[in-house]
Amino acid sequence: MKRYLVLLSTKTNLNFMPEAANYSFNIGDLVISFRRFKDQRDRIISELNYGWIIEVKLSAENIDDAISQASEISEFFLSAFCFESGCESYPSNIILSYEITEAVEKRIFRQYFRNLSFRSSPTQIAFSSFFEHSEKILSFKTDHKNRIYRALRWFRKGIMSDDPIDQFLFFWHGLETLNSPLAEHFECDKNITKEIERQCKKCGQKYMDHISTLGGIEALYDNIKIDRAKRTKIKDMRNGISHGFKNLSELYGDAIELLPTMAKILHIGITKILGISFEQSHYDGLERVAPIKLGELMKIDFFLNENDISKLALDDYYPFFIYEDSTISKEGGFNVQSKCIPHVGCSYEPLVMGVFTKNSSIKIKDIM
């Protein structure tokens, strides 16, 4: 096991009383500390105007494991602070992490950057189709208009969230919101009784049971041919999250697997009510629904060459780099030049940069 320091930040206007430089909590060999921004360096590395710096020191097998543990414990405390105060505590953002094991010649160092220019092909939509669909939504005359608006909001939340369980619930809430207009569209009752086959857990004998369920959603399932196994998985996921039938840690994998299906079911439900349609390529794109947002976060890895951890940084601060983009006109076009400006107290070796959690990276020398 190695020791790592992980630095995070968060936006919050919360303050502890009495005021002090920092507040620390020890959990085994993990130490987590909180302090308000103290100078411009905090704002530079966090890319925030105000908030807290969160420092976590812990033991882990590797830097990825250290960052994962630090993020999890940070989110616990931020949720606890919000519960204690009723004050907003935004999600924590990873800033940087590096090894702090004593007497190591080369220490892995990673820094994260947001709001960088991310050069990729944009998602294309035809404005004429968008205009037509928007007009259809805005001119919808029935009492269900507000439910469609709300379902659109749930869909957007599901796409944007970075937590798979939250994403599942957002898509499910969107479907529940549409149950009444779906029932009207498919000309069925909002609540129906279904006969399902069950098996006794003690003797194994099968029997038929009757349950009450949401008629509009069931009709949509039937219309788009969602099979019984998938319906059961969705129901078990909802019950596992909302009613405590399963340990939450066991549900993450199932949630991620179900996200594309949930997104497509909700999207199709909205289109059925509105009487509009999309190309299959649109639904192929929804297969990429995940907690990971491509291009949201860039990371750069270095080796810090310093045996003495007290010499890693300058002016009693963390080692860090400033990443700069400069766009230069070149023969009628544009050329983006990137460079990392170091603020470290030791020599360093650039390794790679890449999109966070995407399995791709390029060598630093290829872009600098």
Protein backbone atom coordinates (compact mmCIF):
# COMPACT_ATOMS: atom_id res chain seq x y z
CA MET A 1 0.00 0.00 0.00
CA LYS A 2 1.16 3.53 -0.79
CA ARG A 3 0.20 6.88 0.70
CA TYR A 4 -1.52 9.49 -1.44
CA LEU A 5 -2.75 13.03 -1.09
CA VAL A 6 -5.93 13.85 -2.99
CA LEU A 7 -7.05 17.47 -3.29
CA LEU A 8 -10.65 18.37 -4.07
CA SER A 9 -12.80 21.49 -4.00
CA THR A 10 -16.47 22.35 -3.61
CA LYS A 11 -18.71 25.38 -3.84
CA THR A 12 -20.47 26.17 -0.57
CA ASN A 13 -21.13 29.18 1.61
CA LEU A 14 -21.06 27.09 4.78
CA ASN A 15 -18.71 28.13 7.58
CA PHE A 16 -17.87 26.39 10.85
CA MET A 17 -17.96 28.16 14.21
CA PRO A 18 -15.64 28.98 15.77
CA GLU A 19 -13.59 29.88 12.73
CA ALA A 20 -10.26 28.13 12.33
CA ALA A 21 -7.69 27.46 9.63
CA ASN A 22 -8.99 23.96 8.88
CA TYR A 23 -11.11 21.17 10.30
CA SER A 24 -9.92 17.57 10.21
CA PHE A 25 -11.45 14.13 10.71
CA ASN A 26 -9.49 10.90 11.24
CA ILE A 27 -11.02 7.65 9.98
CA GLY A 28 -8.47 4.91 10.57
CA ASP A 29 -5.37 5.93 8.63
CA LEU A 30 -7.43 8.29 6.43
CA VAL A 31 -7.34 11.98 7.29
CA ILE A 32 -9.75 14.43 5.63
CA SER A 33 -9.45 18.18 6.16
CA PHE A 34 -11.63 21.12 5.12
CA ARG A 35 -10.81 24.81 4.85
CA ARG A 36 -12.23 27.84 3.08
CA PHE A 37 -10.31 29.33 0.15
CA LYS A 38 -7.45 31.38 1.54
CA ASP A 39 -5.76 32.99 -1.47
CA GLN A 40 -5.74 33.26 -5.25
CA ARG A 41 -3.92 29.96 -5.69
CA ASP A 42 -6.95 28.11 -4.36
CA ARG A 43 -9.11 29.82 -6.98
CA ILE A 44 -6.64 29.09 -9.75
CA ILE A 45 -6.28 25.36 -9.15
CA SER A 46 -9.96 24.80 -8.30
CA GLU A 47 -11.28 26.98 -11.14
CA LEU A 48 -13.88 28.30 -8.66
CA ASN A 49 -14.42 31.79 -7.25
CA TYR A 50 -15.32 30.68 -3.75
CA GLY A 51 -15.70 27.55 -1.65
CA TRP A 52 -13.66 25.02 0.26
CA ILE A 53 -10.50 23.08 -0.34
CA ILE A 54 -10.76 19.42 0.73
CA GLU A 55 -7.56 17.50 1.42
CA VAL A 56 -7.56 13.73 1.87
CA LYS A 57 -4.52 11.66 2.90
CA LEU A 58 -4.96 7.92 2.70
CA SER A 59 -3.41 4.56 1.83
CA ALA A 60 -4.31 2.87 -1.46
CA GLU A 61 -3.02 0.39 -4.01
CA ASN A 62 -2.75 3.02 -6.75
CA ILE A 63 -3.68 6.58 -7.61
CA ASP A 64 -7.02 5.64 -9.19
CA ASP A 65 -8.08 3.78 -6.03
CA ALA A 66 -6.96 6.73 -3.89
CA ILE A 67 -9.01 9.19 -5.93
CA SER A 68 -12.07 6.94 -5.83
CA GLN A 69 -11.89 6.58 -2.02
CA ALA A 70 -11.26 10.30 -1.51
CA SER A 71 -14.24 11.24 -3.69
CA GLU A 72 -16.52 8.86 -1.81
CA ILE A 73 -15.58 10.10 1.66
CA SER A 74 -15.74 13.73 0.52
CA GLU A 75 -19.27 13.26 -0.77
CA PHE A 76 -20.30 11.67 2.54
CA PHE A 77 -19.11 14.66 4.53
CA LEU A 78 -20.63 17.19 2.12
CA SER A 79 -23.98 15.40 2.39
CA ALA A 80 -23.62 15.39 6.19
CA PHE A 81 -22.79 19.12 6.21
CA CYS A 82 -25.84 19.83 4.06
CA PHE A 83 -28.03 17.76 6.41
CA GLU A 84 -26.61 19.55 9.46
CA SER A 85 -27.01 23.07 8.08
CA GLY A 86 -29.58 23.02 5.30
CA CYS A 87 -26.98 24.94 3.29
CA GLU A 88 -26.08 24.08 -0.33
CA SER A 89 -23.01 21.87 -0.66
CA TYR A 90 -22.21 21.22 -4.30
CA PRO A 91 -20.50 18.00 -5.47
CA SER A 92 -16.75 17.85 -4.92
CA ASN A 93 -14.37 18.24 -7.86
CA ILE A 94 -11.05 16.46 -8.03
CA ILE A 95 -8.15 18.90 -8.45
CA LEU A 96 -5.03 16.80 -8.19
CA SER A 97 -3.46 13.79 -6.51
CA TYR A 98 0.07 12.54 -5.91
CA GLU A 99 1.97 9.94 -3.93
CA ILE A 100 3.24 11.04 -0.50
CA THR A 101 4.95 7.80 0.55
CA GLU A 102 8.26 8.59 2.26
CA ALA A 103 11.55 8.16 0.37
CA VAL A 104 10.24 7.55 -3.14
CA GLU A 105 12.35 8.73 -6.07
CA LYS A 106 9.53 9.03 -8.61
CA ARG A 107 6.03 9.94 -7.49
CA ILE A 108 3.00 9.69 -9.74
CA PHE A 109 1.16 13.02 -9.98
CA ARG A 110 -2.17 13.71 -11.65
CA GLN A 111 -4.01 16.98 -12.17
CA TYR A 112 -7.49 17.56 -13.57
CA PHE A 113 -8.61 20.47 -15.72
CA ARG A 114 -12.09 21.68 -16.58
CA ASN A 115 -13.38 24.23 -19.06
CA LEU A 116 -10.68 23.45 -21.61
CA SER A 117 -11.31 23.65 -25.32
CA PHE A 118 -12.36 20.13 -26.28
CA ARG A 119 -12.04 19.58 -29.98
CA SER A 120 -14.46 16.92 -31.15
CA SER A 121 -17.23 16.56 -33.72
CA PRO A 122 -20.40 18.17 -32.34
CA THR A 123 -23.71 16.32 -32.24
CA GLN A 124 -25.67 17.38 -35.32
CA ILE A 125 -29.41 18.13 -35.26
CA ALA A 126 -31.57 19.48 -38.08
CA PHE A 127 -32.98 22.84 -37.03
CA SER A 128 -36.15 22.29 -39.06
CA SER A 129 -36.94 19.11 -37.11
CA PHE A 130 -36.10 20.75 -33.80
CA PHE A 131 -38.36 23.70 -34.63
CA GLU A 132 -41.21 21.39 -35.63
CA HIS A 133 -40.91 19.29 -32.45
CA SER A 134 -40.65 22.34 -30.19
CA GLU A 135 -43.74 23.86 -31.80
CA LYS A 136 -45.61 20.61 -31.17
CA ILE A 137 -44.67 20.66 -27.48
CA LEU A 138 -45.45 24.35 -27.00
CA SER A 139 -48.82 24.09 -28.73
CA PHE A 140 -49.92 20.94 -26.88
CA LYS A 141 -53.45 21.75 -25.68
CA THR A 142 -54.40 19.03 -23.20
CA ASP A 143 -54.14 19.01 -19.41
CA HIS A 144 -51.02 16.87 -19.80
CA LYS A 145 -48.86 19.71 -21.16
CA ASN A 146 -47.14 20.32 -17.81
CA ARG A 147 -46.49 16.60 -17.44
CA ILE A 148 -44.67 16.59 -20.76
CA TYR A 149 -42.58 19.57 -19.64
CA ARG A 150 -41.73 17.76 -16.42
CA ALA A 151 -40.86 14.54 -18.24
CA LEU A 152 -38.48 16.51 -20.48
CA ARG A 153 -36.79 17.89 -17.35
CA TRP A 154 -36.46 14.39 -15.87
CA PHE A 155 -34.96 13.18 -19.15
CA ARG A 156 -32.40 15.98 -19.13
CA LYS A 157 -31.51 15.29 -15.49
CA GLY A 158 -31.01 11.61 -16.33
CA ILE A 159 -28.69 12.45 -19.21
CA MET A 160 -26.66 14.96 -17.19
CA SER A 161 -26.28 13.26 -13.79
CA ASP A 162 -22.94 11.72 -12.85
CA ASP A 163 -24.43 9.03 -10.57
CA PRO A 164 -26.02 5.94 -12.18
CA ILE A 165 -28.58 5.38 -9.42
CA ASP A 166 -29.70 9.01 -9.65
CA GLN A 167 -29.87 8.64 -13.43
CA PHE A 168 -32.08 5.56 -13.18
CA LEU A 169 -34.43 7.32 -10.76
CA PHE A 170 -34.64 10.43 -12.95
CA PHE A 171 -35.66 8.37 -15.98
CA TRP A 172 -38.12 6.38 -13.87
CA HIS A 173 -39.67 9.56 -12.42
CA GLY A 174 -40.09 10.79 -15.99
CA LEU A 175 -42.01 7.62 -16.85
CA GLU A 176 -44.21 7.91 -13.75
CA THR A 177 -44.94 11.52 -14.66
CA LEU A 178 -46.17 10.33 -18.07
CA ASN A 179 -48.37 7.50 -16.79
CA SER A 180 -51.62 9.49 -17.15
CA PRO A 181 -51.00 10.85 -20.67
CA LEU A 182 -49.69 7.43 -21.74
CA ALA A 183 -52.87 5.78 -20.43
CA GLU A 184 -54.95 8.29 -22.41
CA HIS A 185 -52.82 7.74 -25.53
CA PHE A 186 -53.15 3.95 -25.37
CA GLU A 187 -56.78 4.14 -24.18
CA CYS A 188 -56.31 2.14 -21.00
CA ASP A 189 -56.78 2.66 -17.26
CA LYS A 190 -54.10 4.53 -15.32
CA ASN A 191 -54.00 1.68 -12.80
CA ILE A 192 -54.48 -1.89 -13.89
CA THR A 193 -54.36 -5.33 -12.26
CA LYS A 194 -51.91 -7.81 -13.71
CA GLU A 195 -51.67 -11.53 -13.19
CA ILE A 196 -48.09 -12.69 -12.71
CA GLU A 197 -46.47 -16.00 -11.96
CA ARG A 198 -44.60 -16.32 -8.68
CA GLN A 199 -42.66 -19.15 -7.04
CA CYS A 200 -42.78 -20.03 -3.35
CA LYS A 201 -39.34 -19.51 -1.81
CA LYS A 202 -39.87 -22.40 0.63
CA CYS A 203 -41.39 -25.21 -1.44
CA GLY A 204 -40.64 -24.00 -4.97
CA GLN A 205 -44.25 -24.38 -6.10
CA LYS A 206 -45.42 -21.85 -8.71
CA TYR A 207 -48.65 -19.89 -8.35
CA MET A 208 -50.46 -16.93 -9.94
CA ASP A 209 -50.64 -13.60 -8.13
CA HIS A 210 -52.45 -10.34 -8.90
CA ILE A 211 -50.72 -6.97 -8.57
CA SER A 212 -51.73 -3.38 -9.21
CA THR A 213 -49.46 -1.49 -11.61
CA LEU A 214 -49.26 1.66 -13.74
CA GLY A 215 -51.38 1.06 -16.82
CA GLY A 216 -49.87 3.75 -19.05
CA ILE A 217 -46.32 2.54 -18.53
CA GLU A 218 -47.32 -1.10 -19.03
CA ALA A 219 -49.06 -0.17 -22.29
CA LEU A 220 -45.90 1.59 -23.45
CA TYR A 221 -43.84 -1.50 -22.55
CA ASP A 222 -46.23 -3.62 -24.64
CA ASN A 223 -46.14 -1.18 -27.56
CA ILE A 224 -42.36 -1.09 -27.83
CA LYS A 225 -41.93 -4.77 -26.94
CA ILE A 226 -40.06 -4.55 -23.63
CA ASP A 227 -39.81 -8.20 -22.60
CA ARG A 228 -40.79 -9.61 -19.22
CA ALA A 229 -37.18 -10.10 -18.08
CA LYS A 230 -36.35 -6.43 -18.72
CA ARG A 231 -39.55 -5.25 -17.00
CA THR A 232 -38.69 -7.36 -13.98
CA LYS A 233 -35.18 -5.95 -13.87
CA ILE A 234 -36.51 -2.38 -13.98
CA LYS A 235 -39.04 -3.14 -11.22
CA ASP A 236 -36.41 -4.85 -9.06
CA MET A 237 -34.05 -1.91 -9.54
CA ARG A 238 -36.74 0.61 -8.54
CA ASN A 239 -37.73 -1.45 -5.49
CA GLY A 240 -34.10 -2.09 -4.59
CA ILE A 241 -33.35 1.64 -4.53
CA SER A 242 -36.59 3.09 -3.15
CA HIS A 243 -37.71 0.33 -0.79
CA GLY A 244 -34.40 -1.00 0.49
CA PHE A 245 -34.72 -4.49 -0.99
CA LYS A 246 -31.05 -4.50 -2.02
CA ASN A 247 -27.76 -3.06 -0.84
CA LEU A 248 -27.14 0.13 -2.84
CA SER A 249 -23.55 -0.85 -3.58
CA GLU A 250 -24.90 -3.92 -5.41
CA LEU A 251 -27.12 -1.82 -7.66
CA TYR A 252 -24.54 0.34 -9.46
CA GLY A 253 -23.69 -2.22 -12.11
CA ASP A 254 -27.35 -3.00 -12.85
CA ALA A 255 -28.16 0.72 -12.97
CA ILE A 256 -25.43 1.42 -15.53
CA GLU A 257 -26.63 -1.52 -17.64
CA LEU A 258 -30.24 -0.26 -17.60
CA LEU A 259 -29.53 3.42 -18.31
CA PRO A 260 -29.70 3.26 -22.14
CA THR A 261 -32.94 1.25 -21.95
CA MET A 262 -34.52 3.68 -19.47
CA ALA A 263 -33.49 6.69 -21.55
CA LYS A 264 -34.99 5.19 -24.71
CA ILE A 265 -38.24 4.13 -22.99
CA LEU A 266 -38.80 7.62 -21.58
CA HIS A 267 -37.84 9.30 -24.85
CA ILE A 268 -40.18 7.08 -26.89
CA GLY A 269 -42.97 7.63 -24.34
CA ILE A 270 -42.72 11.39 -24.87
CA THR A 271 -42.71 11.03 -28.66
CA LYS A 272 -45.75 8.72 -28.60
CA ILE A 273 -47.79 11.31 -26.71
CA LEU A 274 -46.65 14.16 -28.95
CA GLY A 275 -47.06 12.21 -32.19
CA ILE A 276 -43.51 12.91 -33.37
CA SER A 277 -40.70 10.58 -34.43
CA PHE A 278 -36.91 10.37 -34.50
CA GLU A 279 -34.47 8.48 -36.68
CA GLN A 280 -33.00 5.23 -35.35
CA SER A 281 -29.59 6.93 -35.20
CA HIS A 282 -30.93 9.08 -32.36
CA TYR A 283 -31.70 6.00 -30.27
CA ASP A 284 -28.37 4.47 -31.22
CA GLY A 285 -26.82 7.57 -29.64
CA LEU A 286 -28.71 6.96 -26.40
CA GLU A 287 -26.75 3.73 -26.01
CA ARG A 288 -23.94 5.98 -24.76
CA VAL A 289 -25.92 7.24 -21.74
CA ALA A 290 -23.61 6.85 -18.75
CA PRO A 291 -22.43 8.67 -15.61
CA ILE A 292 -19.25 9.60 -17.52
CA LYS A 293 -19.49 12.80 -19.54
CA LEU A 294 -17.09 12.78 -22.47
CA GLY A 295 -14.93 15.88 -22.59
CA GLU A 296 -16.07 17.11 -19.18
CA LEU A 297 -12.71 16.55 -17.55
CA MET A 298 -9.14 16.38 -18.78
CA LYS A 299 -6.32 14.81 -16.82
CA ILE A 300 -2.55 15.09 -17.12
CA ASP A 301 -0.10 12.66 -15.49
CA PHE A 302 3.47 13.43 -14.46
CA PHE A 303 6.24 11.90 -12.42
CA LEU A 304 7.56 14.15 -9.65
CA ASN A 305 11.25 13.42 -9.10
CA GLU A 306 11.86 14.13 -5.42
CA ASN A 307 12.75 11.82 -2.54
CA ASP A 308 11.85 14.39 0.14
CA ILE A 309 8.09 15.07 0.16
CA SER A 310 8.62 18.44 1.90
CA LYS A 311 10.33 19.70 -1.26
CA LEU A 312 7.58 18.86 -3.73
CA ALA A 313 6.00 22.29 -3.84
CA LEU A 314 6.84 25.99 -3.75
CA ASP A 315 5.98 28.52 -1.01
CA ASP A 316 4.42 25.93 1.28
CA TYR A 317 1.70 25.05 -1.23
CA TYR A 318 0.73 22.00 -3.27
CA PRO A 319 2.58 21.22 -6.51
CA PHE A 320 0.39 22.13 -9.48
CA PHE A 321 0.40 23.08 -13.15
CA ILE A 322 -1.45 25.77 -15.07
CA TYR A 323 -2.75 24.59 -18.41
CA GLU A 324 -3.05 27.27 -21.08
CA ASP A 325 -4.64 27.28 -24.54
CA SER A 326 -3.71 30.04 -26.98
CA THR A 327 -5.58 30.28 -30.26
CA ILE A 328 -3.50 31.76 -33.06
CA SER A 329 -4.64 32.72 -36.54
CA LYS A 330 -2.68 30.79 -39.13
CA GLU A 331 -3.15 31.20 -42.88
CA GLY A 332 -6.80 32.10 -42.56
CA GLY A 333 -7.52 29.35 -40.04
CA PHE A 334 -6.88 28.69 -36.37
CA ASN A 335 -4.22 26.73 -34.56
CA VAL A 336 -4.56 25.83 -30.87
CA GLN A 337 -1.31 25.68 -28.95
CA SER A 338 -1.32 24.17 -25.46
CA LYS A 339 1.23 24.28 -22.71
CA CYS A 340 1.56 23.37 -19.06
CA ILE A 341 3.18 25.90 -16.76
CA PRO A 342 4.67 24.15 -13.69
CA HIS A 343 4.51 25.42 -10.12
CA VAL A 344 6.50 22.66 -8.48
CA GLY A 345 9.60 22.52 -6.33
CA CYS A 346 11.19 19.52 -8.01
CA SER A 347 11.96 18.19 -11.48
CA TYR A 348 9.16 16.39 -13.27
CA GLU A 349 8.59 14.09 -16.24
CA PRO A 350 5.46 14.54 -18.38
CA LEU A 351 3.64 11.29 -19.06
CA VAL A 352 0.24 11.44 -20.76
CA MET A 353 -2.92 13.48 -20.99
CA GLY A 354 -6.38 12.27 -21.83
CA VAL A 355 -10.10 12.51 -21.27
CA PHE A 356 -11.00 11.47 -17.74
CA THR A 357 -12.28 7.87 -17.55
CA LYS A 358 -12.11 7.43 -21.31
CA ASN A 359 -9.74 4.71 -22.47
CA SER A 360 -7.60 6.98 -24.58
CA SER A 361 -4.58 9.15 -23.95
CA ILE A 362 -1.79 10.83 -25.86
CA LYS A 363 1.76 11.55 -24.88
CA ILE A 364 2.43 15.03 -23.55
CA LYS A 365 5.18 15.61 -26.11
CA ASP A 366 2.65 15.12 -28.89
CA ILE A 367 0.65 18.20 -27.84
CA MET A 368 3.22 20.53 -26.32
